[in-house]
Amino acid sequence: MSWITAAIQRLFFAGNTELTSPSSTVVSPALDSQVLGLEPETALLESLSQDQVKELFYQVGLGQAELHQELVSSDKKLLVKLSKELGDDSQLNQYAPRLPRVVPQLLRSLRDPSSSAQQQAEIISQDPVIAASILRVANSSKFSYNRPKINSFQRALVTLGNNEVRALLSTVSMQPIMEVSSESYTDFGALIWQNALSAAVCAKSLSAQHGVDPFQAYMAGLIHNIGASTIFLRLINQADNNAPAPSLIFQTIEQLAATISTKLARLWEFDQDIIQALTELEQGSTDKSQLGKLLELSQNLSQGYSLWQHDLLSQEQVNALLFEYRQPKNRFEQLNKLLAD
């Protein structure tokens, strides 16, 4: 049994077995059921708490089973430094990811009932990447039907509709910000991005049940963990030639990510309802708004969905998790289909 497998079992089974790990930190590829030495039908527990799901999610992304190791002195100092940098609004502005210039312009225009499709098309034309994405989606099988090919942004906007354009705009602009690449942690950025996308799609699909605007639901899900990407990039850039320890990444995310996500939403001037929902998530409020309740549900479901995709949950665990959140047994299959579309 590998030391990683032993650590996973120590985390999820009662017992006092002490972890024996290599003397130096080894950054392994993302964990899957084979790396963990688990058969698909083997349950880590009959039911996992949300904290356990969250921790296993980060173990998958960081390729490390033990994330609560005491930080070495230099890592403790770095954590304090990052807390000051990213906790201070003036400094956060210096290190925050930059949205494409056209994004806030177009979002404001799409919210303005007096704005025309021609004005919005002029804004889109300023960014070739966003422009190409909008034309590609407008000409996809989902929207094109038997119509001639769409070549103008104005026609594309009319075809897609405001909510679809806003969701597409947000997705195209957020992916390069969140899908941070790293030679040491090759799968972490992709995992965070896929988790954000699944949370967004999940929130949008459940928005009607919660009486929430579908775009607000999608946007809140998409950026709910932008703080984790910001922290990861900052740690990678600070690490010189050495990869930051998985425990440092995880513990920094645990302490700072939710706060940074909220601060970035304010900095980027997102809707107040989205900022409020992120604040409620950050503070663990028991009296959440409808969007806050939906965001928490979507965050929890999307992390469980990620583990399900990696074959780290037995069917019994999936059923227990979905039962806890009062979701149908095929919720993850439905989410798979929505993401494929």
C-alpha atoms as a PDB file:
ATOM      1  CA  MET A   1       0.000   0.000   0.000  1.00  0.00           C
ATOM      2  CA  SER A   2       1.402   3.387  -0.969  1.00  0.00           C
ATOM      3  CA  TRP A   3       1.808   6.108   1.662  1.00  0.00           C
ATOM      4  CA  ILE A   4      -0.770   8.178  -0.243  1.00  0.00           C
ATOM      5  CA  THR A   5      -3.329   5.385   0.045  1.00  0.00           C
ATOM      6  CA  ALA A   6      -2.549   5.007   3.733  1.00  0.00           C
ATOM      7  CA  ALA A   7      -3.114   8.725   4.265  1.00  0.00           C
ATOM      8  CA  ILE A   8      -6.447   8.662   2.460  1.00  0.00           C
ATOM      9  CA  GLN A   9      -7.588   5.758   4.619  1.00  0.00           C
ATOM     10  CA  ARG A  10      -6.345   7.507   7.759  1.00  0.00           C
ATOM     11  CA  LEU A  11      -8.362  10.565   6.814  1.00  0.00           C
ATOM     12  CA  PHE A  12     -11.615   8.754   6.104  1.00  0.00           C
ATOM     13  CA  PHE A  13     -11.562   5.877   8.601  1.00  0.00           C
ATOM     14  CA  ALA A  14     -11.526   6.182  12.358  1.00  0.00           C
ATOM     15  CA  GLY A  15      -8.189   5.270  13.845  1.00  0.00           C
ATOM     16  CA  ASN A  16      -4.899   6.645  15.101  1.00  0.00           C
ATOM     17  CA  THR A  17      -2.546   5.237  12.492  1.00  0.00           C
ATOM     18  CA  GLU A  18       0.321   7.675  12.088  1.00  0.00           C
ATOM     19  CA  LEU A  19       1.226   8.733   8.552  1.00  0.00           C
ATOM     20  CA  THR A  20       4.646   7.780   7.318  1.00  0.00           C
ATOM     21  CA  SER A  21       5.550   9.928   4.345  1.00  0.00           C
ATOM     22  CA  PRO A  22       8.653  10.476   2.271  1.00  0.00           C
ATOM     23  CA  SER A  23      11.214  12.807   3.818  1.00  0.00           C
ATOM     24  CA  SER A  24      10.873  15.295   0.963  1.00  0.00           C
ATOM     25  CA  THR A  25       7.729  16.569  -0.690  1.00  0.00           C
ATOM     26  CA  VAL A  26       6.993  14.788  -3.944  1.00  0.00           C
ATOM     27  CA  VAL A  27       4.420  16.394  -6.197  1.00  0.00           C
ATOM     28  CA  SER A  28       2.604  13.545  -7.864  1.00  0.00           C
ATOM     29  CA  PRO A  29       0.114  13.569 -10.728  1.00  0.00           C
ATOM     30  CA  ALA A  30      -3.543  14.091  -9.858  1.00  0.00           C
ATOM     31  CA  LEU A  31      -4.933  11.197  -7.856  1.00  0.00           C
ATOM     32  CA  ASP A  32      -7.421   8.776  -9.354  1.00  0.00           C
ATOM     33  CA  SER A  33      -8.847   5.471  -8.157  1.00  0.00           C
ATOM     34  CA  GLN A  34      -5.860   3.507  -9.493  1.00  0.00           C
ATOM     35  CA  VAL A  35      -3.284   5.756  -7.807  1.00  0.00           C
ATOM     36  CA  LEU A  36      -5.232   5.448  -4.567  1.00  0.00           C
ATOM     37  CA  GLY A  37      -5.336   1.658  -4.925  1.00  0.00           C
ATOM     38  CA  LEU A  38      -9.109   1.611  -4.626  1.00  0.00           C
ATOM     39  CA  GLU A  39     -11.521  -0.583  -6.515  1.00  0.00           C
ATOM     40  CA  PRO A  40     -14.535   1.329  -7.893  1.00  0.00           C
ATOM     41  CA  GLU A  41     -16.897  -0.673  -5.673  1.00  0.00           C
ATOM     42  CA  THR A  42     -14.877   0.070  -2.529  1.00  0.00           C
ATOM     43  CA  ALA A  43     -16.389   2.890  -0.467  1.00  0.00           C
ATOM     44  CA  LEU A  44     -14.113   5.113   1.584  1.00  0.00           C
ATOM     45  CA  LEU A  45     -17.123   5.696   3.782  1.00  0.00           C
ATOM     46  CA  GLU A  46     -20.812   5.024   3.370  1.00  0.00           C
ATOM     47  CA  SER A  47     -21.346   8.754   3.613  1.00  0.00           C
ATOM     48  CA  LEU A  48     -18.860  11.604   3.320  1.00  0.00           C
ATOM     49  CA  SER A  49     -19.222  14.946   5.069  1.00  0.00           C
ATOM     50  CA  GLN A  50     -18.870  18.049   2.906  1.00  0.00           C
ATOM     51  CA  ASP A  51     -15.533  18.833   4.552  1.00  0.00           C
ATOM     52  CA  GLN A  52     -14.287  15.369   3.565  1.00  0.00           C
ATOM     53  CA  VAL A  53     -15.532  15.836   0.007  1.00  0.00           C
ATOM     54  CA  LYS A  54     -13.774  19.201  -0.180  1.00  0.00           C
ATOM     55  CA  GLU A  55     -10.501  17.834   1.152  1.00  0.00           C
ATOM     56  CA  LEU A  56     -10.547  14.840  -1.166  1.00  0.00           C
ATOM     57  CA  PHE A  57     -11.248  17.230  -4.054  1.00  0.00           C
ATOM     58  CA  TYR A  58      -8.030  19.136  -3.289  1.00  0.00           C
ATOM     59  CA  GLN A  59      -6.111  15.907  -2.765  1.00  0.00           C
ATOM     60  CA  VAL A  60      -7.079  14.987  -6.312  1.00  0.00           C
ATOM     61  CA  GLY A  61      -5.874  18.332  -7.671  1.00  0.00           C
ATOM     62  CA  LEU A  62      -2.648  18.484  -5.682  1.00  0.00           C
ATOM     63  CA  GLY A  63      -1.736  14.809  -5.891  1.00  0.00           C
ATOM     64  CA  GLN A  64      -1.108  14.651  -2.171  1.00  0.00           C
ATOM     65  CA  ALA A  65      -3.006  12.802   0.528  1.00  0.00           C
ATOM     66  CA  GLU A  66      -1.852  14.715   3.609  1.00  0.00           C
ATOM     67  CA  LEU A  67      -2.712  18.402   3.408  1.00  0.00           C
ATOM     68  CA  HIS A  68      -2.749  19.310   7.099  1.00  0.00           C
ATOM     69  CA  GLN A  69       0.961  18.868   7.755  1.00  0.00           C
ATOM     70  CA  GLU A  70       2.429  21.646   9.852  1.00  0.00           C
ATOM     71  CA  LEU A  71       4.006  24.229   7.593  1.00  0.00           C
ATOM     72  CA  VAL A  72       7.758  24.777   7.720  1.00  0.00           C
ATOM     73  CA  SER A  73       8.923  28.190   8.929  1.00  0.00           C
ATOM     74  CA  SER A  74       9.427  29.669   5.444  1.00  0.00           C
ATOM     75  CA  ASP A  75       5.944  28.573   4.366  1.00  0.00           C
ATOM     76  CA  LYS A  76       4.399  30.092   7.483  1.00  0.00           C
ATOM     77  CA  LYS A  77       6.073  33.398   6.644  1.00  0.00           C
ATOM     78  CA  LEU A  78       4.850  33.180   3.054  1.00  0.00           C
ATOM     79  CA  LEU A  79       1.295  32.513   4.236  1.00  0.00           C
ATOM     80  CA  VAL A  80       1.418  35.608   6.458  1.00  0.00           C
ATOM     81  CA  LYS A  81       2.806  37.646   3.554  1.00  0.00           C
ATOM     82  CA  LEU A  82       0.071  36.490   1.187  1.00  0.00           C
ATOM     83  CA  SER A  83      -2.581  37.192   3.814  1.00  0.00           C
ATOM     84  CA  LYS A  84      -1.411  40.805   3.947  1.00  0.00           C
ATOM     85  CA  GLU A  85      -1.023  41.166   0.176  1.00  0.00           C
ATOM     86  CA  LEU A  86      -4.313  39.643  -0.849  1.00  0.00           C
ATOM     87  CA  GLY A  87      -6.279  40.795   2.179  1.00  0.00           C
ATOM     88  CA  ASP A  88      -5.519  44.461   1.511  1.00  0.00           C
ATOM     89  CA  ASP A  89      -7.783  45.870  -1.209  1.00  0.00           C
ATOM     90  CA  SER A  90      -5.117  48.204  -2.579  1.00  0.00           C
ATOM     91  CA  GLN A  91      -2.572  45.396  -2.873  1.00  0.00           C
ATOM     92  CA  LEU A  92      -5.120  42.893  -4.178  1.00  0.00           C
ATOM     93  CA  ASN A  93      -5.750  45.245  -7.080  1.00  0.00           C
ATOM     94  CA  GLN A  94      -2.060  44.927  -7.946  1.00  0.00           C
ATOM     95  CA  TYR A  95      -2.065  41.124  -7.946  1.00  0.00           C
ATOM     96  CA  ALA A  96      -5.631  40.446  -9.097  1.00  0.00           C
ATOM     97  CA  PRO A  97      -6.239  38.748 -12.448  1.00  0.00           C
ATOM     98  CA  ARG A  98      -7.192  41.193 -15.189  1.00  0.00           C
ATOM     99  CA  LEU A  99     -10.475  40.818 -17.019  1.00  0.00           C
ATOM    100  CA  PRO A 100     -10.428  41.639 -20.745  1.00  0.00           C
ATOM    101  CA  ARG A 101     -11.275  45.339 -21.133  1.00  0.00           C
ATOM    102  CA  VAL A 102     -14.440  44.674 -23.115  1.00  0.00           C
ATOM    103  CA  VAL A 103     -16.022  42.434 -20.453  1.00  0.00           C
ATOM    104  CA  PRO A 104     -17.274  45.084 -17.997  1.00  0.00           C
ATOM    105  CA  GLN A 105     -18.291  47.293 -20.932  1.00  0.00           C
ATOM    106  CA  LEU A 106     -20.361  44.557 -22.535  1.00  0.00           C
ATOM    107  CA  LEU A 107     -21.908  43.349 -19.275  1.00  0.00           C
ATOM    108  CA  ARG A 108     -23.038  46.898 -18.500  1.00  0.00           C
ATOM    109  CA  SER A 109     -24.400  47.280 -22.030  1.00  0.00           C
ATOM    110  CA  LEU A 110     -26.308  43.986 -21.839  1.00  0.00           C
ATOM    111  CA  ARG A 111     -27.933  45.132 -18.567  1.00  0.00           C
ATOM    112  CA  ASP A 112     -28.934  48.474 -20.091  1.00  0.00           C
ATOM    113  CA  PRO A 113     -32.390  48.214 -21.734  1.00  0.00           C
ATOM    114  CA  SER A 114     -31.615  51.252 -23.910  1.00  0.00           C
ATOM    115  CA  SER A 115     -28.482  49.620 -25.389  1.00  0.00           C
ATOM    116  CA  SER A 116     -28.825  48.278 -28.919  1.00  0.00           C
ATOM    117  CA  ALA A 117     -27.431  45.125 -30.509  1.00  0.00           C
ATOM    118  CA  GLN A 118     -25.358  47.350 -32.802  1.00  0.00           C
ATOM    119  CA  GLN A 119     -23.693  49.059 -29.830  1.00  0.00           C
ATOM    120  CA  GLN A 120     -22.995  45.681 -28.223  1.00  0.00           C
ATOM    121  CA  ALA A 121     -21.586  44.325 -31.488  1.00  0.00           C
ATOM    122  CA  GLU A 122     -19.163  47.259 -31.649  1.00  0.00           C
ATOM    123  CA  ILE A 123     -17.911  46.409 -28.158  1.00  0.00           C
ATOM    124  CA  ILE A 124     -17.475  42.717 -29.029  1.00  0.00           C
ATOM    125  CA  SER A 125     -15.488  43.525 -32.158  1.00  0.00           C
ATOM    126  CA  GLN A 126     -12.733  45.014 -29.954  1.00  0.00           C
ATOM    127  CA  ASP A 127     -11.737  41.572 -28.667  1.00  0.00           C
ATOM    128  CA  PRO A 128     -10.977  38.954 -31.386  1.00  0.00           C
ATOM    129  CA  VAL A 129     -11.080  35.977 -28.971  1.00  0.00           C
ATOM    130  CA  ILE A 130     -14.483  36.856 -27.543  1.00  0.00           C
ATOM    131  CA  ALA A 131     -15.780  37.787 -30.992  1.00  0.00           C
ATOM    132  CA  ALA A 132     -14.732  34.441 -32.473  1.00  0.00           C
ATOM    133  CA  SER A 133     -16.301  32.530 -29.570  1.00  0.00           C
ATOM    134  CA  ILE A 134     -19.639  34.292 -29.945  1.00  0.00           C
ATOM    135  CA  LEU A 135     -19.781  33.601 -33.682  1.00  0.00           C
ATOM    136  CA  ARG A 136     -18.763  29.961 -33.122  1.00  0.00           C
ATOM    137  CA  VAL A 137     -21.530  29.351 -30.594  1.00  0.00           C
ATOM    138  CA  ALA A 138     -24.131  31.216 -32.658  1.00  0.00           C
ATOM    139  CA  ASN A 139     -23.316  28.871 -35.562  1.00  0.00           C
ATOM    140  CA  SER A 140     -23.315  25.710 -33.428  1.00  0.00           C
ATOM    141  CA  SER A 141     -25.991  23.056 -33.861  1.00  0.00           C
ATOM    142  CA  LYS A 142     -27.680  24.241 -30.662  1.00  0.00           C
ATOM    143  CA  PHE A 143     -28.616  27.593 -32.255  1.00  0.00           C
ATOM    144  CA  SER A 144     -28.158  27.401 -36.011  1.00  0.00           C
ATOM    145  CA  TYR A 145     -30.983  24.974 -36.914  1.00  0.00           C
ATOM    146  CA  ASN A 146     -31.342  25.289 -40.699  1.00  0.00           C
ATOM    147  CA  ARG A 147     -30.430  28.971 -40.862  1.00  0.00           C
ATOM    148  CA  PRO A 148     -27.637  30.314 -43.095  1.00  0.00           C
ATOM    149  CA  LYS A 149     -24.282  30.852 -41.409  1.00  0.00           C
ATOM    150  CA  ILE A 150     -24.144  33.912 -39.155  1.00  0.00           C
ATOM    151  CA  ASN A 151     -21.269  36.255 -39.975  1.00  0.00           C
ATOM    152  CA  SER A 152     -22.200  39.433 -38.085  1.00  0.00           C
ATOM    153  CA  PHE A 153     -21.949  40.039 -34.351  1.00  0.00           C
ATOM    154  CA  GLN A 154     -25.277  41.850 -34.366  1.00  0.00           C
ATOM    155  CA  ARG A 155     -27.107  38.806 -35.763  1.00  0.00           C
ATOM    156  CA  ALA A 156     -25.197  36.551 -33.371  1.00  0.00           C
ATOM    157  CA  LEU A 157     -26.365  38.612 -30.386  1.00  0.00           C
ATOM    158  CA  VAL A 158     -29.988  38.442 -31.501  1.00  0.00           C
ATOM    159  CA  THR A 159     -29.710  34.692 -32.092  1.00  0.00           C
ATOM    160  CA  LEU A 160     -28.153  33.933 -28.727  1.00  0.00           C
ATOM    161  CA  GLY A 161     -30.055  36.350 -26.507  1.00  0.00           C
ATOM    162  CA  ASN A 162     -28.699  38.411 -23.623  1.00  0.00           C
ATOM    163  CA  ASN A 163     -28.377  35.651 -21.021  1.00  0.00           C
ATOM    164  CA  GLU A 164     -26.574  33.305 -23.385  1.00  0.00           C
ATOM    165  CA  VAL A 165     -24.190  36.071 -24.493  1.00  0.00           C
ATOM    166  CA  ARG A 166     -23.460  37.063 -20.897  1.00  0.00           C
ATOM    167  CA  ALA A 167     -22.790  33.447 -19.893  1.00  0.00           C
ATOM    168  CA  LEU A 168     -20.560  32.883 -22.917  1.00  0.00           C
ATOM    169  CA  LEU A 169     -18.712  36.155 -22.348  1.00  0.00           C
ATOM    170  CA  SER A 170     -18.076  35.245 -18.715  1.00  0.00           C
ATOM    171  CA  THR A 171     -16.877  31.747 -19.578  1.00  0.00           C
ATOM    172  CA  VAL A 172     -14.487  32.855 -22.321  1.00  0.00           C
ATOM    173  CA  SER A 173     -12.980  35.587 -20.138  1.00  0.00           C
ATOM    174  CA  MET A 174     -12.712  33.491 -16.958  1.00  0.00           C
ATOM    175  CA  GLN A 175     -11.157  30.322 -18.340  1.00  0.00           C
ATOM    176  CA  PRO A 176      -7.632  31.716 -18.927  1.00  0.00           C
ATOM    177  CA  ILE A 177      -7.772  33.382 -15.502  1.00  0.00           C
ATOM    178  CA  MET A 178      -8.761  30.230 -13.630  1.00  0.00           C
ATOM    179  CA  GLU A 179      -7.104  27.450 -15.631  1.00  0.00           C
ATOM    180  CA  VAL A 180      -3.627  28.275 -14.323  1.00  0.00           C
ATOM    181  CA  SER A 181      -0.883  26.046 -15.741  1.00  0.00           C
ATOM    182  CA  SER A 182       2.035  24.781 -13.706  1.00  0.00           C
ATOM    183  CA  GLU A 183       4.796  22.287 -14.429  1.00  0.00           C
ATOM    184  CA  SER A 184       4.635  21.051 -10.847  1.00  0.00           C
ATOM    185  CA  TYR A 185       0.870  20.700 -10.577  1.00  0.00           C
ATOM    186  CA  THR A 186      -0.193  19.871 -14.090  1.00  0.00           C
ATOM    187  CA  ASP A 187      -3.829  19.089 -13.315  1.00  0.00           C
ATOM    188  CA  PHE A 188      -4.725  21.608 -10.626  1.00  0.00           C
ATOM    189  CA  GLY A 189      -5.708  24.518 -12.869  1.00  0.00           C
ATOM    190  CA  ALA A 190      -7.862  22.320 -15.101  1.00  0.00           C
ATOM    191  CA  LEU A 191      -9.578  20.785 -12.065  1.00  0.00           C
ATOM    192  CA  ILE A 192     -10.396  24.212 -10.590  1.00  0.00           C
ATOM    193  CA  TRP A 193     -11.718  25.437 -13.930  1.00  0.00           C
ATOM    194  CA  GLN A 194     -13.854  22.350 -14.560  1.00  0.00           C
ATOM    195  CA  ASN A 195     -15.199  22.645 -11.025  1.00  0.00           C
ATOM    196  CA  ALA A 196     -16.103  26.299 -11.612  1.00  0.00           C
ATOM    197  CA  LEU A 197     -17.817  25.447 -14.881  1.00  0.00           C
ATOM    198  CA  SER A 198     -19.780  22.568 -13.363  1.00  0.00           C
ATOM    199  CA  ALA A 199     -20.850  24.770 -10.423  1.00  0.00           C
ATOM    200  CA  ALA A 200     -22.017  27.430 -12.888  1.00  0.00           C
ATOM    201  CA  VAL A 201     -23.972  24.990 -15.050  1.00  0.00           C
ATOM    202  CA  CYS A 202     -25.440  23.304 -11.979  1.00  0.00           C
ATOM    203  CA  ALA A 203     -26.529  26.649 -10.491  1.00  0.00           C
ATOM    204  CA  LYS A 204     -28.085  27.771 -13.769  1.00  0.00           C
ATOM    205  CA  SER A 205     -29.991  24.497 -14.180  1.00  0.00           C
ATOM    206  CA  LEU A 206     -31.457  24.804 -10.652  1.00  0.00           C
ATOM    207  CA  SER A 207     -32.076  28.575 -10.765  1.00  0.00           C
ATOM    208  CA  ALA A 208     -35.794  28.336 -11.594  1.00  0.00           C
ATOM    209  CA  GLN A 209     -36.410  26.078  -8.581  1.00  0.00           C
ATOM    210  CA  HIS A 210     -34.815  28.704  -6.332  1.00  0.00           C
ATOM    211  CA  GLY A 211     -36.440  31.735  -7.960  1.00  0.00           C
ATOM    212  CA  VAL A 212     -33.059  33.109  -9.047  1.00  0.00           C
ATOM    213  CA  ASP A 213     -32.019  34.861 -12.262  1.00  0.00           C
ATOM    214  CA  PRO A 214     -30.260  32.207 -14.393  1.00  0.00           C
ATOM    215  CA  PHE A 215     -27.348  34.438 -15.366  1.00  0.00           C
ATOM    216  CA  GLN A 216     -26.708  35.514 -11.782  1.00  0.00           C
ATOM    217  CA  ALA A 217     -26.753  31.852 -10.774  1.00  0.00           C
ATOM    218  CA  TYR A 218     -24.319  30.952 -13.568  1.00  0.00           C
ATOM    219  CA  MET A 219     -21.977  33.846 -12.811  1.00  0.00           C
ATOM    220  CA  ALA A 220     -21.923  33.190  -9.062  1.00  0.00           C
ATOM    221  CA  GLY A 221     -21.071  29.535  -9.668  1.00  0.00           C
ATOM    222  CA  LEU A 222     -18.382  30.436 -12.175  1.00  0.00           C
ATOM    223  CA  ILE A 223     -16.460  32.794  -9.877  1.00  0.00           C
ATOM    224  CA  HIS A 224     -17.213  31.248  -6.476  1.00  0.00           C
ATOM    225  CA  ASN A 225     -13.676  29.806  -6.248  1.00  0.00           C
ATOM    226  CA  ILE A 226     -11.718  32.401  -8.239  1.00  0.00           C
ATOM    227  CA  GLY A 227      -9.802  33.022  -5.009  1.00  0.00           C
ATOM    228  CA  ALA A 228      -8.257  29.540  -5.216  1.00  0.00           C
ATOM    229  CA  SER A 229      -6.878  30.254  -8.699  1.00  0.00           C
ATOM    230  CA  THR A 230      -5.545  33.645  -7.591  1.00  0.00           C
ATOM    231  CA  ILE A 231      -3.774  32.087  -4.601  1.00  0.00           C
ATOM    232  CA  PHE A 232      -2.379  29.228  -6.664  1.00  0.00           C
ATOM    233  CA  LEU A 233      -0.911  31.591  -9.273  1.00  0.00           C
ATOM    234  CA  ARG A 234       0.572  33.835  -6.580  1.00  0.00           C
ATOM    235  CA  LEU A 235       2.205  30.877  -4.822  1.00  0.00           C
ATOM    236  CA  ILE A 236       3.586  29.496  -8.091  1.00  0.00           C
ATOM    237  CA  ASN A 237       5.076  32.910  -8.930  1.00  0.00           C
ATOM    238  CA  GLN A 238       6.585  33.250  -5.453  1.00  0.00           C
ATOM    239  CA  ALA A 239       8.109  29.801  -5.401  1.00  0.00           C
ATOM    240  CA  ASP A 240      11.285  30.594  -7.379  1.00  0.00           C
ATOM    241  CA  ASN A 241      12.599  27.235  -8.607  1.00  0.00           C
ATOM    242  CA  ASN A 242      10.790  25.106  -6.009  1.00  0.00           C
ATOM    243  CA  ALA A 243       7.185  24.013  -6.207  1.00  0.00           C
ATOM    244  CA  PRO A 244       5.122  25.238  -3.252  1.00  0.00           C
ATOM    245  CA  ALA A 245       4.198  22.412  -0.891  1.00  0.00           C
ATOM    246  CA  PRO A 246       0.698  20.957  -1.376  1.00  0.00           C
ATOM    247  CA  SER A 247      -0.055  21.628   2.291  1.00  0.00           C
ATOM    248  CA  LEU A 248       0.847  25.315   1.828  1.00  0.00           C
ATOM    249  CA  ILE A 249      -1.431  25.626  -1.210  1.00  0.00           C
ATOM    250  CA  PHE A 250      -4.339  23.895   0.523  1.00  0.00           C
ATOM    251  CA  GLN A 251      -4.036  25.747   3.826  1.00  0.00           C
ATOM    252  CA  THR A 252      -3.710  29.119   2.090  1.00  0.00           C
ATOM    253  CA  ILE A 253      -6.797  28.361   0.009  1.00  0.00           C
ATOM    254  CA  GLU A 254      -8.644  27.261   3.145  1.00  0.00           C
ATOM    255  CA  GLN A 255      -7.859  30.532   4.898  1.00  0.00           C
ATOM    256  CA  LEU A 256      -8.094  33.086   2.103  1.00  0.00           C
ATOM    257  CA  ALA A 257      -9.888  31.828  -1.024  1.00  0.00           C
ATOM    258  CA  ALA A 258     -13.487  32.675  -0.091  1.00  0.00           C
ATOM    259  CA  THR A 259     -12.551  36.181   1.046  1.00  0.00           C
ATOM    260  CA  ILE A 260     -10.553  36.841  -2.125  1.00  0.00           C
ATOM    261  CA  SER A 261     -13.403  35.587  -4.332  1.00  0.00           C
ATOM    262  CA  THR A 262     -15.730  38.111  -2.697  1.00  0.00           C
ATOM    263  CA  LYS A 263     -13.189  40.939  -2.972  1.00  0.00           C
ATOM    264  CA  LEU A 264     -12.613  40.220  -6.667  1.00  0.00           C
ATOM    265  CA  ALA A 265     -16.353  40.268  -7.359  1.00  0.00           C
ATOM    266  CA  ARG A 266     -16.455  43.756  -5.819  1.00  0.00           C
ATOM    267  CA  LEU A 267     -13.343  44.853  -7.704  1.00  0.00           C
ATOM    268  CA  TRP A 268     -14.850  43.687 -11.000  1.00  0.00           C
ATOM    269  CA  GLU A 269     -18.167  45.391 -10.166  1.00  0.00           C
ATOM    270  CA  PHE A 270     -20.389  42.339 -10.425  1.00  0.00           C
ATOM    271  CA  ASP A 271     -24.049  42.538  -9.451  1.00  0.00           C
ATOM    272  CA  GLN A 272     -24.683  43.197  -5.780  1.00  0.00           C
ATOM    273  CA  ASP A 273     -26.734  39.993  -5.472  1.00  0.00           C
ATOM    274  CA  ILE A 274     -23.695  37.950  -6.571  1.00  0.00           C
ATOM    275  CA  ILE A 275     -21.425  39.789  -4.132  1.00  0.00           C
ATOM    276  CA  GLN A 276     -23.931  39.160  -1.330  1.00  0.00           C
ATOM    277  CA  ALA A 277     -24.112  35.433  -2.134  1.00  0.00           C
ATOM    278  CA  LEU A 278     -20.312  35.143  -2.134  1.00  0.00           C
ATOM    279  CA  THR A 279     -20.165  37.039   1.167  1.00  0.00           C
ATOM    280  CA  GLU A 280     -22.702  34.642   2.680  1.00  0.00           C
ATOM    281  CA  LEU A 281     -20.638  31.690   1.487  1.00  0.00           C
ATOM    282  CA  GLU A 282     -17.458  33.256   2.876  1.00  0.00           C
ATOM    283  CA  GLN A 283     -18.981  33.954   6.283  1.00  0.00           C
ATOM    284  CA  GLY A 284     -20.869  30.669   6.559  1.00  0.00           C
ATOM    285  CA  SER A 285     -24.114  32.565   7.078  1.00  0.00           C
ATOM    286  CA  THR A 286     -27.084  30.501   8.247  1.00  0.00           C
ATOM    287  CA  ASP A 287     -29.539  33.069   6.902  1.00  0.00           C
ATOM    288  CA  LYS A 288     -28.669  33.051   3.214  1.00  0.00           C
ATOM    289  CA  SER A 289     -30.401  34.672   0.287  1.00  0.00           C
ATOM    290  CA  GLN A 290     -31.913  32.383  -2.343  1.00  0.00           C
ATOM    291  CA  LEU A 291     -28.841  32.899  -4.525  1.00  0.00           C
ATOM    292  CA  GLY A 292     -26.597  32.198  -1.526  1.00  0.00           C
ATOM    293  CA  LYS A 293     -28.408  28.913  -0.825  1.00  0.00           C
ATOM    294  CA  LEU A 294     -28.188  27.938  -4.493  1.00  0.00           C
ATOM    295  CA  LEU A 295     -24.481  28.829  -4.647  1.00  0.00           C
ATOM    296  CA  GLU A 296     -23.664  26.711  -1.592  1.00  0.00           C
ATOM    297  CA  LEU A 297     -25.621  23.776  -3.029  1.00  0.00           C
ATOM    298  CA  SER A 298     -23.932  24.097  -6.426  1.00  0.00           C
ATOM    299  CA  GLN A 299     -20.470  24.325  -4.848  1.00  0.00           C
ATOM    300  CA  ASN A 300     -21.070  21.154  -2.850  1.00  0.00           C
ATOM    301  CA  LEU A 301     -22.581  19.257  -5.770  1.00  0.00           C
ATOM    302  CA  SER A 302     -19.805  20.304  -8.169  1.00  0.00           C
ATOM    303  CA  GLN A 303     -17.058  19.026  -5.846  1.00  0.00           C
ATOM    304  CA  GLY A 304     -18.906  15.744  -5.435  1.00  0.00           C
ATOM    305  CA  TYR A 305     -19.324  15.612  -9.208  1.00  0.00           C
ATOM    306  CA  SER A 306     -15.550  16.015  -9.660  1.00  0.00           C
ATOM    307  CA  LEU A 307     -14.893  13.054  -7.349  1.00  0.00           C
ATOM    308  CA  TRP A 308     -17.539  11.039  -9.182  1.00  0.00           C
ATOM    309  CA  GLN A 309     -15.777  11.792 -12.468  1.00  0.00           C
ATOM    310  CA  HIS A 310     -12.504  10.472 -10.970  1.00  0.00           C
ATOM    311  CA  ASP A 311     -14.236   7.256  -9.814  1.00  0.00           C
ATOM    312  CA  LEU A 312     -13.498   8.088  -6.185  1.00  0.00           C
ATOM    313  CA  LEU A 313     -17.055   7.665  -4.968  1.00  0.00           C
ATOM    314  CA  SER A 314     -18.970   4.418  -4.803  1.00  0.00           C
ATOM    315  CA  GLN A 315     -22.562   4.419  -6.008  1.00  0.00           C
ATOM    316  CA  GLU A 316     -23.647   4.196  -2.372  1.00  0.00           C
ATOM    317  CA  GLN A 317     -21.682   7.340  -1.565  1.00  0.00           C
ATOM    318  CA  VAL A 318     -23.125   9.149  -4.574  1.00  0.00           C
ATOM    319  CA  ASN A 319     -26.643   8.164  -3.541  1.00  0.00           C
ATOM    320  CA  ALA A 320     -26.007   9.305   0.050  1.00  0.00           C
ATOM    321  CA  LEU A 321     -24.559  12.638  -1.087  1.00  0.00           C
ATOM    322  CA  LEU A 322     -27.424  13.362  -3.476  1.00  0.00           C
ATOM    323  CA  PHE A 323     -29.980  12.270  -0.873  1.00  0.00           C
ATOM    324  CA  GLU A 324     -28.461  14.717   1.611  1.00  0.00           C
ATOM    325  CA  TYR A 325     -28.982  17.570  -0.858  1.00  0.00           C
ATOM    326  CA  ARG A 326     -32.396  16.288  -1.965  1.00  0.00           C
ATOM    327  CA  GLN A 327     -31.278  15.738  -5.534  1.00  0.00           C
ATOM    328  CA  PRO A 328     -32.356  12.998  -7.959  1.00  0.00           C
ATOM    329  CA  LYS A 329     -30.087   9.959  -8.169  1.00  0.00           C
ATOM    330  CA  ASN A 330     -29.112  10.820 -11.742  1.00  0.00           C
ATOM    331  CA  ARG A 331     -28.080  14.432 -10.974  1.00  0.00           C
ATOM    332  CA  PHE A 332     -24.428  13.844 -11.946  1.00  0.00           C
ATOM    333  CA  GLU A 333     -25.449  12.167 -15.207  1.00  0.00           C
ATOM    334  CA  GLN A 334     -27.684  15.183 -15.921  1.00  0.00           C
ATOM    335  CA  LEU A 335     -24.794  17.518 -15.167  1.00  0.00           C
ATOM    336  CA  ASN A 336     -22.585  15.517 -17.525  1.00  0.00           C
ATOM    337  CA  LYS A 337     -25.084  16.014 -20.321  1.00  0.00           C
ATOM    338  CA  LEU A 338     -25.482  19.750 -19.644  1.00  0.00           C
ATOM    339  CA  LEU A 339     -21.702  20.244 -19.698  1.00  0.00           C
ATOM    340  CA  ALA A 340     -21.421  18.261 -22.925  1.00  0.00           C
ATOM    341  CA  ASP A 341     -24.008  20.546 -24.533  1.00  0.00           C
END
